[in-house]
Every structure is written in C-alpha cells, then in structure tokens.
C-alpha atoms as a PDB file:
ATOM      1  CA  UNK A   1      93.037 138.055 319.914  1.00  0.00           C
ATOM      2  CA  UNK A   2      91.022 137.573 323.082  1.00  0.00           C
ATOM      3  CA  UNK A   3      91.086 134.132 324.683  1.00  0.00           C
ATOM      4  CA  UNK A   4      88.765 134.877 327.602  1.00  0.00           C
ATOM      5  CA  UNK A   5      87.154 137.770 329.434  1.00  0.00           C
ATOM      6  CA  UNK A   6      86.424 138.837 332.983  1.00  0.00           C
ATOM      7  CA  UNK A   7      84.115 141.169 334.863  1.00  0.00           C
ATOM      8  CA  UNK A   8      84.605 142.332 338.443  1.00  0.00           C
ATOM      9  CA  UNK A   9      81.728 141.451 340.772  1.00  0.00           C
ATOM     10  CA  UNK A  10      80.871 145.145 341.210  1.00  0.00           C
ATOM     11  CA  UNK A  11      80.614 145.502 337.402  1.00  0.00           C
ATOM     12  CA  UNK A  12      77.505 143.317 337.236  1.00  0.00           C
ATOM     13  CA  UNK A  13      74.231 145.166 337.819  1.00  0.00           C
ATOM     14  CA  UNK A  14      71.395 143.240 339.445  1.00  0.00           C
ATOM     15  CA  UNK A  15      67.698 144.064 339.623  1.00  0.00           C
ATOM     16  CA  UNK A  16      64.980 142.263 341.539  1.00  0.00           C
ATOM     17  CA  UNK A  17      62.458 143.400 338.921  1.00  0.00           C
ATOM     18  CA  UNK A  18      62.515 142.427 335.267  1.00  0.00           C
ATOM     19  CA  UNK A  19      64.397 144.816 332.971  1.00  0.00           C
ATOM     20  CA  UNK A  20      64.045 144.730 329.199  1.00  0.00           C
ATOM     21  CA  UNK A  21      67.276 143.446 327.662  1.00  0.00           C
ATOM     22  CA  UNK A  22      68.601 142.048 330.956  1.00  0.00           C
ATOM     23  CA  UNK A  23      69.599 138.411 331.440  1.00  0.00           C
ATOM     24  CA  UNK A  24      67.650 136.291 333.903  1.00  0.00           C
ATOM     25  CA  UNK A  25      69.708 134.671 336.667  1.00  0.00           C
ATOM     26  CA  UNK A  26      69.043 132.558 339.750  1.00  0.00           C
ATOM     27  CA  UNK A  27      70.463 133.528 343.147  1.00  0.00           C
ATOM     28  CA  UNK A  28      72.186 130.403 344.469  1.00  0.00           C
ATOM     29  CA  UNK A  29      73.847 131.947 347.542  1.00  0.00           C
ATOM     30  CA  UNK A  30      74.352 135.346 349.120  1.00  0.00           C
ATOM     31  CA  UNK A  31      76.537 136.737 351.868  1.00  0.00           C
ATOM     32  CA  UNK A  32      76.887 140.149 353.447  1.00  0.00           C
ATOM     33  CA  UNK A  33      80.281 141.787 353.420  1.00  0.00           C
ATOM     34  CA  UNK A  34      82.047 144.881 354.671  1.00  0.00           C
ATOM     35  CA  UNK A  35      80.035 148.052 354.392  1.00  0.00           C
ATOM     36  CA  UNK A  36      76.762 146.154 354.218  1.00  0.00           C
ATOM     37  CA  UNK A  37      77.163 145.201 350.565  1.00  0.00           C
ATOM     38  CA  UNK A  38      76.086 141.736 349.469  1.00  0.00           C
ATOM     39  CA  UNK A  39      78.009 139.258 347.349  1.00  0.00           C
ATOM     40  CA  UNK A  40      75.559 137.228 345.266  1.00  0.00           C
ATOM     41  CA  UNK A  41      76.321 133.909 343.595  1.00  0.00           C
ATOM     42  CA  UNK A  42      74.255 133.789 340.417  1.00  0.00           C
ATOM     43  CA  UNK A  43      73.548 131.014 337.934  1.00  0.00           C
ATOM     44  CA  UNK A  44      72.945 132.087 334.352  1.00  0.00           C
ATOM     45  CA  UNK A  45      72.225 128.761 332.709  1.00  0.00           C
ATOM     46  CA  UNK A  46      75.366 126.703 333.396  1.00  0.00           C
ATOM     47  CA  UNK A  47      77.500 129.843 333.928  1.00  0.00           C
ATOM     48  CA  UNK A  48      78.209 130.834 337.539  1.00  0.00           C
ATOM     49  CA  UNK A  49      78.964 134.503 338.282  1.00  0.00           C
ATOM     50  CA  UNK A  50      79.368 136.700 341.349  1.00  0.00           C
ATOM     51  CA  UNK A  51      77.865 140.162 341.740  1.00  0.00           C
ATOM     52  CA  UNK A  52      78.573 142.731 344.459  1.00  0.00           C
ATOM     53  CA  UNK A  53      75.444 144.788 345.126  1.00  0.00           C
ATOM     54  CA  UNK A  54      74.075 147.354 347.555  1.00  0.00           C
ATOM     55  CA  UNK A  55      72.498 146.290 350.828  1.00  0.00           C
ATOM     56  CA  UNK A  56      68.958 147.018 349.608  1.00  0.00           C
ATOM     57  CA  UNK A  57      69.337 144.980 346.402  1.00  0.00           C
ATOM     58  CA  UNK A  58      71.117 142.118 348.185  1.00  0.00           C
ATOM     59  CA  UNK A  59      68.557 141.941 350.968  1.00  0.00           C
ATOM     60  CA  UNK A  60      65.709 141.602 348.447  1.00  0.00           C
ATOM     61  CA  UNK A  61      67.519 139.297 345.986  1.00  0.00           C
ATOM     62  CA  UNK A  62      66.013 135.820 346.229  1.00  0.00           C
ATOM     63  CA  UNK A  63      65.113 133.379 343.501  1.00  0.00           C
ATOM     64  CA  UNK A  64      65.138 135.069 340.108  1.00  0.00           C
ATOM     65  CA  UNK A  65      66.934 138.350 339.375  1.00  0.00           C
ATOM     66  CA  UNK A  66      67.927 140.183 336.185  1.00  0.00           C
ATOM     67  CA  UNK A  67      71.502 141.127 335.355  1.00  0.00           C
ATOM     68  CA  UNK A  68      73.278 143.491 332.987  1.00  0.00           C
ATOM     69  CA  UNK A  69      76.926 144.252 332.279  1.00  0.00           C
ATOM     70  CA  UNK A  70      78.046 147.495 330.647  1.00  0.00           C
ATOM     71  CA  UNK A  71      80.745 146.939 328.027  1.00  0.00           C
ATOM     72  CA  UNK A  72      83.229 149.191 329.859  1.00  0.00           C
ATOM     73  CA  UNK A  73      83.181 146.702 332.757  1.00  0.00           C
ATOM     74  CA  UNK A  74      84.473 143.829 330.589  1.00  0.00           C
ATOM     75  CA  UNK A  75      88.216 143.081 330.408  1.00  0.00           C
ATOM     76  CA  UNK A  76      89.560 140.782 327.694  1.00  0.00           C
ATOM     77  CA  UNK A  77      92.648 138.604 328.189  1.00  0.00           C
ATOM     78  CA  UNK A  78      95.040 136.921 325.757  1.00  0.00           C
ATOM     79  CA  UNK A  79      96.238 133.301 326.034  1.00  0.00           C
ATOM     80  CA  UNK A  80      98.960 134.290 328.531  1.00  0.00           C
ATOM     81  CA  UNK A  81      96.410 135.923 330.848  1.00  0.00           C
ATOM     82  CA  UNK A  82      97.507 139.467 330.035  1.00  0.00           C
ATOM     83  CA  UNK A  83      94.725 142.055 329.760  1.00  0.00           C
ATOM     84  CA  UNK A  84      94.334 143.411 326.241  1.00  0.00           C
END
C-alpha cells in the first residue's frame, strides 16, 4: 500500500484567476529559471509545494493563486521509497 505520494513541480497547474474545483494557494516566493519558466513556492494551508510554470503565469503570480493536479501526475511510493 502507498505510504506517501509525490508530484513533480511541472505537474502542478497554476492559475492567477479562480477556477472551479481548484485549490487556493498563497505564493510565498518565486524565482525565474532556465528558459524563462518560474518556480513558485506555494502554501496550501500548512502544506508547502513547488510549481514550475510558464513565464506569463509566473510573472503574474502574486498573492493568491489556484492550483490543480491531474491524477496522472501523482506518483505513489511504498515505505521503502519505491514508486508503486
């Protein structure tokens, strides 16, 4: 059975406008990386996550954003850390 799960930063979608069914998050930090993409640090309650987004989304992402994760972007791991 799954012990934990992970999502790559590029597997988290971010919108600067509210989306029905999306989870509200707060941008706590952002940095620009190679290719002009942004890496956003997001707080979802007490959970901290990172999202890699396009330049246009990253540039406009301040304060509150909305996030979604498609199920195919989630990887589950067993107690040993092996993906299942």
